[in-house]
Amino acid sequence: MPAMLKQNGRTNREDSPMETETVRARAGGIFQPFKVRNFNLLFSGQTVSIIGDALYAVALPWLILNNGGNAQDLGVVLTAYGIPRAGSMLLGGWLSDRLRPRRLMLIADIIRALLMGILAALALWGHPTVLQLCAIAVPLGVLGGAFMPASMAIAPDILNNEDLQASNALIFSSMQGANLVGSALAGVVVAAFSAGAALAIDAATFIVSAVSLAMMRTTHRPTRNKREEGASREVPLVDSQEQINFWHFLRTSRLIQVTLLVFTMIGLCSGGLMEVALPTLVHGPMHGNASGYGLILAGWGAGALAGSILAGTLGKLKHKGILMLVDGMITAAAIAFLPNWGVPGAVILMLIGGIAGSGINVLLFTAVQLNIPRHLMGRVMGLLMFSSFGMYPLSVALAGVLSNQFGPTILFPFGGLLIALVMLFGMTQRALREL
């Protein structure tokens, strides 16, 4: 575990083998991270913020579609958000390593609260045009992209390695639980009040997140001891961690290389399917409303909540790579068949896909975090986030055009097939297969 100066009662001395096993046994519990004050603040603030994100995800499509817009207009606004978000992820990773993740996240949340408040005001007191929505979407995308790698790098900055899988399980569980609550709440708020009311609530959640980050105590960045260096099979053993530079690490880590490819292909499918094709499918062929769309998203959230908790208990399970790749095939099948049985069937399939998809998130992110040198954490996370969300502008733009030309239904089996193919490729890669 990291050599930390009296962090949670530990000192910077070398642990004996017996003490190491004791620490590992104690840290194996999924609730162990809650003993760390900074994690409690991070967990609570981000949970509230993600509820706001779920409100935004439902409110924005309905704001556009109910004001005379169509799928292509929605794709344009999401592209205006997605391009700067993708472009700022690499910069966000670099800033995270320089400023520390907490500081960068705090700055991003404060500014996003202001921007979301402006968007809510436009929605409440008028009919914002596509140009106005794009003018707000661009800076929101920049800040969202900078925030993302910092949010993935902060857990190793405040917790020991032995607690990372439990931490990831709890964080992903909170994300999905918040999405579950937020998606269900969003349908009610939009239907009973307006999209503007949902956006105003989202602005308030950014303030809550900023306050929780401001209350966190500054910690010393953990460094690896000799035992941790030996535990990382992907990173070459060197006399000093600082001798591993960014490009050398990328050239020598097969795990990171394969993960970049997997993230890229999943990112190409997920954004357009979930944020353009799905609301268009519900609004059109399924003859649903905002509540139905919210229920489908809630199905994913419920499944992912259960799956994340389950994945957090698998710390000693062997062959995690095989399990993760099988989960990917299940997720692909759920997406492919989603349009076939109306809103109720879509809810069930999203529930199944959420359970499987959360296993990929928890297991893969834990493996990646344990194999990234601490001083490169932000930059590598930024690159991984860029490989996924960098496809978002292309994904939503294509989904908007293809949905208008051919209808949204056909996009789901093709998306599921592409995800299945990348999972089959992953099964051929030893770095993933033997996790």
Protein backbone atom coordinates (compact mmCIF):
# COMPACT_ATOMS: atom_id res chain seq x y z
CA MET A 1 0.00 0.00 0.00
CA PRO A 2 1.13 3.61 -0.34
CA ALA A 3 3.72 4.85 2.11
CA MET A 4 1.73 7.52 3.91
CA LEU A 5 2.65 9.57 6.96
CA LYS A 6 0.20 8.55 9.69
CA GLN A 7 -2.66 8.39 7.19
CA ASN A 8 -5.51 6.46 8.86
CA GLY A 9 -3.21 5.25 11.61
CA ARG A 10 -0.50 3.89 9.29
CA THR A 11 3.12 5.01 9.22
CA ASN A 12 5.65 5.10 6.42
CA ARG A 13 7.54 2.08 7.62
CA GLU A 14 7.63 -1.20 5.65
CA ASP A 15 4.89 -3.65 6.63
CA SER A 16 5.81 -7.15 7.70
CA PRO A 17 4.18 -10.01 5.73
CA MET A 18 1.82 -10.76 8.62
CA GLU A 19 0.83 -7.10 8.94
CA THR A 20 0.34 -6.91 5.18
CA GLU A 21 -2.11 -9.79 5.21
CA THR A 22 -3.95 -8.24 8.16
CA VAL A 23 -4.31 -4.94 6.32
CA ARG A 24 -5.50 -6.69 3.19
CA ALA A 25 -8.10 -8.67 5.12
CA ARG A 26 -9.34 -5.58 6.87
CA ALA A 27 -9.40 -3.55 3.65
CA GLY A 28 -11.26 -6.26 1.76
CA GLY A 29 -14.63 -5.08 3.02
CA ILE A 30 -16.59 -3.01 0.56
CA PHE A 31 -17.36 -0.35 3.20
CA GLN A 32 -13.73 0.16 4.27
CA PRO A 33 -13.32 3.45 2.31
CA PHE A 34 -16.04 5.07 4.42
CA LYS A 35 -13.53 5.19 7.30
CA VAL A 36 -11.71 7.95 5.38
CA ARG A 37 -13.23 11.43 5.84
CA ASN A 38 -12.19 12.67 2.41
CA PHE A 39 -13.85 9.70 0.74
CA ASN A 40 -17.10 10.35 2.60
CA LEU A 41 -17.16 13.93 1.35
CA LEU A 42 -16.26 12.89 -2.19
CA PHE A 43 -18.88 10.15 -2.21
CA SER A 44 -21.71 12.32 -0.90
CA GLY A 45 -20.97 15.34 -3.09
CA GLN A 46 -20.61 13.36 -6.29
CA THR A 47 -23.75 11.35 -5.57
CA VAL A 48 -25.81 14.54 -5.33
CA SER A 49 -24.15 15.95 -8.45
CA ILE A 50 -24.91 12.81 -10.47
CA ILE A 51 -28.59 13.07 -9.52
CA GLY A 52 -28.45 16.50 -11.15
CA ASP A 53 -26.74 15.04 -14.22
CA ALA A 54 -29.58 12.55 -14.60
CA LEU A 55 -32.10 15.39 -14.46
CA TYR A 56 -30.16 17.20 -17.19
CA ALA A 57 -29.99 14.06 -19.38
CA VAL A 58 -33.79 13.84 -19.44
CA ALA A 59 -34.59 17.57 -19.43
CA LEU A 60 -32.39 18.62 -22.36
CA PRO A 61 -33.87 16.26 -25.00
CA TRP A 62 -37.41 17.13 -23.93
CA LEU A 63 -36.63 20.84 -23.91
CA ILE A 64 -35.49 20.59 -27.55
CA LEU A 65 -38.10 18.11 -28.81
CA ASN A 66 -41.03 19.95 -27.19
CA ASN A 67 -39.93 23.32 -28.61
CA GLY A 68 -40.15 22.28 -32.25
CA GLY A 69 -36.73 20.65 -32.51
CA ASN A 70 -35.92 17.20 -33.86
CA ALA A 71 -33.29 14.49 -33.45
CA GLN A 72 -30.85 16.37 -35.64
CA ASP A 73 -31.18 19.53 -33.50
CA LEU A 74 -30.55 17.42 -30.41
CA GLY A 75 -27.50 15.91 -32.09
CA VAL A 76 -26.16 19.40 -32.92
CA VAL A 77 -26.44 20.58 -29.29
CA LEU A 78 -24.89 17.40 -27.93
CA THR A 79 -22.08 17.67 -30.48
CA ALA A 80 -21.45 21.27 -29.35
CA TYR A 81 -21.06 19.84 -25.85
CA GLY A 82 -19.13 16.74 -26.86
CA ILE A 83 -16.38 18.23 -29.03
CA PRO A 84 -14.97 20.64 -26.41
CA ARG A 85 -15.44 18.01 -23.70
CA ALA A 86 -13.33 15.54 -25.67
CA GLY A 87 -10.78 18.21 -26.53
CA SER A 88 -10.30 19.27 -22.91
CA MET A 89 -9.82 15.79 -21.43
CA LEU A 90 -6.11 15.58 -22.20
CA LEU A 91 -5.61 19.06 -20.81
CA GLY A 92 -7.69 18.09 -17.77
CA GLY A 93 -5.44 15.10 -17.14
CA TRP A 94 -2.34 17.29 -17.27
CA LEU A 95 -3.94 19.91 -14.98
CA SER A 96 -4.99 17.17 -12.58
CA ASP A 97 -1.37 16.09 -12.16
CA ARG A 98 -0.27 19.71 -11.71
CA LEU A 99 -3.06 21.21 -9.59
CA ARG A 100 -4.18 17.98 -7.86
CA PRO A 101 -7.55 16.43 -8.73
CA ARG A 102 -9.57 18.02 -5.92
CA ARG A 103 -8.64 21.59 -6.83
CA LEU A 104 -9.44 21.11 -10.51
CA MET A 105 -12.79 19.47 -9.71
CA LEU A 106 -13.71 22.34 -7.37
CA ILE A 107 -13.00 25.02 -10.00
CA ALA A 108 -15.00 23.12 -12.64
CA ASP A 109 -18.03 22.66 -10.37
CA ILE A 110 -18.23 26.34 -9.39
CA ILE A 111 -18.25 27.54 -13.00
CA ARG A 112 -20.66 24.81 -14.15
CA ALA A 113 -23.13 25.79 -11.44
CA LEU A 114 -23.22 29.31 -12.91
CA LEU A 115 -23.61 28.09 -16.50
CA MET A 116 -26.36 25.63 -15.62
CA GLY A 117 -28.20 28.39 -13.76
CA ILE A 118 -28.15 30.51 -16.94
CA LEU A 119 -29.46 27.58 -18.98
CA ALA A 120 -32.26 26.99 -16.47
CA ALA A 121 -33.26 30.66 -16.61
CA LEU A 122 -33.45 30.53 -20.42
CA ALA A 123 -35.62 27.42 -20.27
CA LEU A 124 -37.93 28.82 -17.58
CA TRP A 125 -38.51 32.25 -19.10
CA GLY A 126 -38.42 31.60 -22.81
CA HIS A 127 -37.79 29.20 -25.66
CA PRO A 128 -34.00 28.95 -26.09
CA THR A 129 -32.79 28.55 -29.64
CA VAL A 130 -30.33 25.90 -30.77
CA LEU A 131 -27.68 28.63 -31.04
CA GLN A 132 -28.24 29.71 -27.41
CA LEU A 133 -28.12 26.10 -26.21
CA CYS A 134 -24.88 25.54 -28.11
CA ALA A 135 -23.34 28.71 -26.62
CA ILE A 136 -23.82 27.24 -23.13
CA ALA A 137 -23.02 23.67 -24.15
CA VAL A 138 -19.50 24.56 -25.34
CA PRO A 139 -18.10 25.83 -21.98
CA LEU A 140 -20.03 23.13 -20.13
CA GLY A 141 -18.25 20.60 -22.33
CA VAL A 142 -14.82 22.12 -21.68
CA LEU A 143 -15.32 22.00 -17.92
CA GLY A 144 -16.90 18.55 -18.01
CA GLY A 145 -13.93 17.20 -19.96
CA ALA A 146 -11.41 18.71 -17.55
CA PHE A 147 -13.37 17.38 -14.57
CA MET A 148 -13.57 13.79 -15.74
CA PRO A 149 -9.92 12.61 -15.53
CA ALA A 150 -9.55 14.37 -12.19
CA SER A 151 -12.60 12.53 -10.84
CA MET A 152 -11.06 9.20 -11.91
CA ALA A 153 -7.64 10.09 -10.48
CA ILE A 154 -8.77 11.32 -7.07
CA ALA A 155 -9.49 7.92 -5.44
CA PRO A 156 -5.85 6.71 -5.64
CA ASP A 157 -4.88 10.13 -4.28
CA ILE A 158 -6.85 9.67 -1.03
CA LEU A 159 -7.01 5.88 -0.51
CA ASN A 160 -4.67 2.92 -0.23
CA ASN A 161 -4.32 0.42 -3.10
CA GLU A 162 -6.07 -2.30 -1.07
CA ASP A 163 -9.21 -0.14 -0.87
CA LEU A 164 -9.39 0.84 -4.54
CA GLN A 165 -11.68 -1.94 -5.77
CA ALA A 166 -14.10 -1.31 -2.91
CA SER A 167 -13.86 2.42 -3.60
CA ASN A 168 -14.59 1.95 -7.30
CA ALA A 169 -17.51 -0.30 -6.49
CA LEU A 170 -18.94 2.28 -4.09
CA ILE A 171 -18.38 5.17 -6.51
CA PHE A 172 -19.94 3.35 -9.44
CA SER A 173 -22.76 2.18 -7.18
CA SER A 174 -23.43 5.74 -6.11
CA MET A 175 -23.34 6.86 -9.74
CA GLN A 176 -25.89 4.29 -10.77
CA GLY A 177 -28.02 4.70 -7.67
CA ALA A 178 -28.05 8.44 -8.26
CA ASN A 179 -28.91 7.86 -11.92
CA LEU A 180 -31.73 5.58 -10.80
CA VAL A 181 -33.15 8.21 -8.47
CA GLY A 182 -32.38 11.10 -10.78
CA SER A 183 -33.83 9.49 -13.92
CA ALA A 184 -37.07 8.59 -12.17
CA LEU A 185 -37.22 12.03 -10.56
CA ALA A 186 -36.46 13.73 -13.88
CA GLY A 187 -39.48 12.22 -15.61
CA VAL A 188 -41.74 13.45 -12.81
CA VAL A 189 -40.19 16.93 -12.62
CA VAL A 190 -40.27 17.49 -16.38
CA ALA A 191 -43.82 16.16 -16.72
CA ALA A 192 -45.22 17.96 -13.66
CA PHE A 193 -43.29 21.23 -13.95
CA SER A 194 -40.91 21.86 -16.85
CA ALA A 195 -37.49 21.07 -18.25
CA GLY A 196 -36.31 24.40 -16.83
CA ALA A 197 -37.15 23.29 -13.28
CA ALA A 198 -35.06 20.15 -13.73
CA LEU A 199 -32.14 22.22 -15.02
CA ALA A 200 -32.39 24.55 -12.01
CA ILE A 201 -32.10 21.57 -9.68
CA ASP A 202 -29.04 20.41 -11.62
CA ALA A 203 -27.41 23.83 -11.05
CA ALA A 204 -27.99 23.47 -7.30
CA THR A 205 -26.35 20.02 -7.26
CA PHE A 206 -23.12 21.49 -8.69
CA ILE A 207 -23.05 23.85 -5.70
CA VAL A 208 -23.43 20.90 -3.30
CA SER A 209 -20.56 19.09 -5.01
CA ALA A 210 -18.33 22.18 -4.84
CA VAL A 211 -18.99 22.58 -1.11
CA SER A 212 -18.11 18.94 -0.40
CA LEU A 213 -14.85 19.25 -2.35
CA ALA A 214 -13.96 22.47 -0.52
CA MET A 215 -14.40 20.68 2.83
CA MET A 216 -11.92 17.92 1.97
CA ARG A 217 -8.55 18.07 3.72
CA THR A 218 -5.37 18.28 1.68
CA THR A 219 -3.44 15.01 1.71
CA HIS A 220 0.10 14.10 0.73
CA ARG A 221 0.21 12.27 -2.58
CA PRO A 222 0.89 8.60 -1.84
CA THR A 223 4.00 6.98 -3.28
CA ARG A 224 4.59 3.32 -3.95
CA ASN A 225 6.82 1.25 -1.76
CA LYS A 226 8.86 -1.69 -3.03
CA ARG A 227 6.05 -4.17 -2.47
CA GLU A 228 3.67 -2.14 -4.62
CA GLU A 229 6.22 -1.82 -7.40
CA GLY A 230 6.52 -5.59 -7.51
CA ALA A 231 2.75 -5.98 -7.57
CA SER A 232 2.41 -4.07 -10.81
CA ARG A 233 3.15 -6.50 -13.62
CA GLU A 234 2.43 -4.02 -16.37
CA VAL A 235 4.88 -1.29 -15.25
CA PRO A 236 8.58 -2.14 -15.66
CA LEU A 237 10.46 -2.20 -12.38
CA VAL A 238 12.85 0.75 -12.17
CA ASP A 239 14.91 2.35 -9.46
CA SER A 240 12.54 5.31 -9.23
CA GLN A 241 8.95 5.69 -10.31
CA GLU A 242 9.77 9.12 -11.69
CA GLN A 243 12.01 7.47 -14.33
CA ILE A 244 8.86 6.16 -16.06
CA ASN A 245 7.68 8.90 -18.40
CA PHE A 246 4.27 9.12 -20.03
CA TRP A 247 5.20 7.85 -23.50
CA HIS A 248 7.39 5.05 -22.18
CA PHE A 249 4.50 3.85 -20.03
CA LEU A 250 2.08 3.83 -22.99
CA ARG A 251 4.57 1.91 -25.14
CA THR A 252 5.15 -0.80 -22.53
CA SER A 253 1.68 -1.31 -21.01
CA ARG A 254 -0.37 -3.70 -23.14
CA LEU A 255 -3.25 -3.39 -20.67
CA ILE A 256 -3.53 0.35 -21.28
CA GLN A 257 -3.23 -0.12 -25.05
CA VAL A 258 -6.06 -2.66 -25.19
CA THR A 259 -8.18 -0.61 -22.78
CA LEU A 260 -7.80 2.42 -25.05
CA LEU A 261 -9.19 0.43 -27.99
CA VAL A 262 -12.09 -0.98 -25.95
CA PHE A 263 -13.01 2.46 -24.64
CA THR A 264 -12.86 3.96 -28.12
CA MET A 265 -15.26 1.47 -29.65
CA ILE A 266 -17.70 1.57 -26.74
CA GLY A 267 -17.62 5.37 -26.82
CA LEU A 268 -18.45 5.31 -30.53
CA CYS A 269 -21.65 3.38 -29.77
CA SER A 270 -22.88 4.54 -26.38
CA GLY A 271 -23.28 8.31 -26.73
CA GLY A 272 -25.41 8.30 -29.87
CA LEU A 273 -27.48 5.30 -28.80
CA MET A 274 -28.34 6.50 -25.32
CA GLU A 275 -28.62 10.26 -25.81
CA VAL A 276 -30.02 10.55 -29.34
CA ALA A 277 -31.41 7.25 -30.64
CA LEU A 278 -33.04 6.18 -27.35
CA PRO A 279 -35.06 9.35 -26.65
CA THR A 280 -36.02 9.48 -30.34
CA LEU A 281 -37.08 5.82 -30.18
CA VAL A 282 -39.23 6.44 -27.10
CA HIS A 283 -40.69 9.68 -28.47
CA GLY A 284 -41.46 8.09 -31.85
CA PRO A 285 -41.82 4.32 -32.52
CA MET A 286 -42.48 3.45 -28.86
CA HIS A 287 -45.05 6.29 -28.49
CA GLY A 288 -43.71 7.02 -25.00
CA ASN A 289 -43.16 10.20 -23.02
CA ALA A 290 -40.57 11.68 -20.69
CA SER A 291 -41.63 9.35 -17.88
CA GLY A 292 -41.09 6.30 -20.09
CA TYR A 293 -37.66 7.52 -21.11
CA GLY A 294 -36.82 8.16 -17.47
CA LEU A 295 -37.95 4.64 -16.52
CA ILE A 296 -35.69 3.09 -19.16
CA LEU A 297 -32.70 5.05 -17.87
CA ALA A 298 -33.70 4.09 -14.33
CA GLY A 299 -33.63 0.42 -15.39
CA TRP A 300 -29.99 0.83 -16.35
CA GLY A 301 -29.30 2.63 -13.08
CA ALA A 302 -30.93 -0.10 -10.98
CA GLY A 303 -28.99 -2.85 -12.73
CA ALA A 304 -25.71 -1.00 -12.54
CA LEU A 305 -26.25 -0.28 -8.84
CA ALA A 306 -26.70 -3.98 -8.09
CA GLY A 307 -23.84 -4.97 -10.38
CA SER A 308 -21.41 -2.47 -8.89
CA ILE A 309 -22.08 -3.70 -5.36
CA LEU A 310 -21.60 -7.29 -6.53
CA ALA A 311 -18.35 -6.42 -8.31
CA GLY A 312 -17.03 -4.81 -5.11
CA THR A 313 -17.23 -8.20 -3.34
CA LEU A 314 -15.06 -9.94 -5.96
CA GLY A 315 -11.70 -8.79 -4.65
CA LYS A 316 -10.26 -12.34 -4.36
CA LEU A 317 -11.95 -13.80 -7.44
CA LYS A 318 -9.61 -15.24 -10.07
CA HIS A 319 -10.11 -14.79 -13.82
CA LYS A 320 -11.68 -11.34 -13.48
CA GLY A 321 -10.71 -10.58 -17.06
CA ILE A 322 -12.85 -13.41 -18.44
CA LEU A 323 -15.79 -12.30 -16.27
CA MET A 324 -15.40 -8.73 -17.48
CA LEU A 325 -15.38 -9.76 -21.13
CA VAL A 326 -18.42 -12.01 -20.73
CA ASP A 327 -20.19 -9.07 -19.09
CA GLY A 328 -19.42 -7.10 -22.24
CA MET A 329 -21.12 -9.71 -24.44
CA ILE A 330 -24.22 -9.63 -22.22
CA THR A 331 -24.32 -5.82 -22.44
CA ALA A 332 -24.03 -6.01 -26.24
CA ALA A 333 -26.97 -8.43 -26.46
CA ALA A 334 -29.13 -6.22 -24.20
CA ILE A 335 -28.49 -3.20 -26.43
CA ALA A 336 -29.11 -5.12 -29.66
CA PHE A 337 -32.58 -6.33 -28.59
CA LEU A 338 -33.67 -3.14 -26.79
CA PRO A 339 -36.22 -1.86 -29.39
CA ASN A 340 -38.19 -5.10 -29.66
CA TRP A 341 -40.63 -5.10 -26.73
CA GLY A 342 -41.64 -1.53 -26.07
CA VAL A 343 -40.90 0.47 -22.94
CA PRO A 344 -41.38 -2.45 -20.45
CA GLY A 345 -39.02 -4.68 -22.44
CA ALA A 346 -36.48 -1.88 -22.76
CA VAL A 347 -36.52 -1.38 -18.97
CA ILE A 348 -35.78 -5.08 -18.39
CA LEU A 349 -33.00 -5.19 -20.98
CA MET A 350 -31.43 -2.04 -19.57
CA LEU A 351 -31.58 -3.64 -16.12
CA ILE A 352 -29.66 -6.67 -17.40
CA GLY A 353 -27.21 -4.52 -19.35
CA GLY A 354 -26.61 -2.35 -16.30
CA ILE A 355 -25.68 -5.32 -14.12
CA ALA A 356 -23.20 -6.59 -16.70
CA GLY A 357 -21.84 -3.17 -17.67
CA SER A 358 -21.04 -2.21 -14.10
CA GLY A 359 -18.82 -5.27 -13.76
CA ILE A 360 -16.71 -3.99 -16.65
CA ASN A 361 -16.40 -0.54 -15.05
CA VAL A 362 -15.36 -1.66 -11.57
CA LEU A 363 -12.97 -4.44 -12.56
CA LEU A 364 -11.31 -2.64 -15.45
CA PHE A 365 -10.87 0.71 -13.71
CA THR A 366 -9.38 -0.97 -10.64
CA ALA A 367 -6.88 -2.90 -12.77
CA VAL A 368 -5.94 0.26 -14.65
CA GLN A 369 -5.52 2.37 -11.49
CA LEU A 370 -3.23 -0.24 -9.95
CA ASN A 371 -1.01 -0.20 -13.03
CA ILE A 372 -0.60 3.56 -13.48
CA PRO A 373 2.35 5.28 -11.76
CA ARG A 374 1.02 7.88 -9.33
CA HIS A 375 2.70 10.82 -11.06
CA LEU A 376 1.04 9.84 -14.38
CA MET A 377 -2.42 9.10 -12.98
CA GLY A 378 -4.17 12.23 -14.27
CA ARG A 379 -2.61 12.13 -17.74
CA VAL A 380 -3.31 8.45 -18.35
CA MET A 381 -6.87 8.81 -17.04
CA GLY A 382 -7.28 11.83 -19.31
CA LEU A 383 -6.17 9.76 -22.30
CA LEU A 384 -8.52 6.92 -21.38
CA MET A 385 -11.42 9.32 -20.97
CA PHE A 386 -10.52 10.97 -24.27
CA SER A 387 -10.49 7.60 -26.06
CA SER A 388 -14.06 7.02 -24.89
CA PHE A 389 -15.67 10.45 -24.86
CA GLY A 390 -13.62 11.68 -27.80
CA MET A 391 -15.95 9.54 -29.89
CA TYR A 392 -18.99 11.25 -28.38
CA PRO A 393 -19.29 14.14 -30.91
CA LEU A 394 -19.04 11.73 -33.84
CA SER A 395 -21.40 9.29 -32.14
CA VAL A 396 -24.21 11.77 -31.42
CA ALA A 397 -23.84 13.50 -34.79
CA LEU A 398 -24.07 10.19 -36.67
CA ALA A 399 -26.96 9.01 -34.53
CA GLY A 400 -28.88 12.23 -35.22
CA VAL A 401 -28.42 11.96 -38.99
CA LEU A 402 -29.01 8.19 -39.19
CA SER A 403 -32.07 8.38 -36.93
CA ASN A 404 -33.61 10.96 -39.25
CA GLN A 405 -32.75 8.97 -42.38
CA PHE A 406 -33.45 5.39 -41.32
CA GLY A 407 -35.20 5.64 -37.96
CA PRO A 408 -33.62 4.97 -34.54
CA THR A 409 -34.58 1.28 -34.30
CA ILE A 410 -31.91 -0.07 -36.65
CA LEU A 411 -29.07 1.60 -34.73
CA PHE A 412 -29.39 -0.67 -31.68
CA PRO A 413 -28.58 -4.08 -33.28
CA PHE A 414 -25.66 -2.52 -35.15
CA GLY A 415 -24.36 -0.92 -31.95
CA GLY A 416 -24.69 -4.19 -30.04
CA LEU A 417 -22.80 -6.02 -32.80
CA LEU A 418 -19.90 -3.55 -32.67
CA ILE A 419 -19.61 -3.89 -28.88
CA ALA A 420 -19.70 -7.70 -29.17
CA LEU A 421 -16.88 -7.65 -31.73
CA VAL A 422 -14.61 -5.53 -29.54
CA MET A 423 -15.30 -7.84 -26.58
CA LEU A 424 -14.37 -10.86 -28.70
CA PHE A 425 -11.13 -9.10 -29.62
CA GLY A 426 -10.49 -8.44 -25.92
CA MET A 427 -10.75 -12.17 -25.23
CA THR A 428 -7.76 -12.70 -27.54
CA GLN A 429 -5.58 -10.33 -25.48
CA ARG A 430 -3.67 -11.88 -22.61
CA ALA A 431 -3.41 -8.56 -20.73
CA LEU A 432 -7.19 -8.51 -20.31
CA ARG A 433 -7.85 -12.22 -20.21
CA GLU A 434 -5.51 -12.83 -17.27
CA LEU A 435 -6.57 -9.94 -15.02
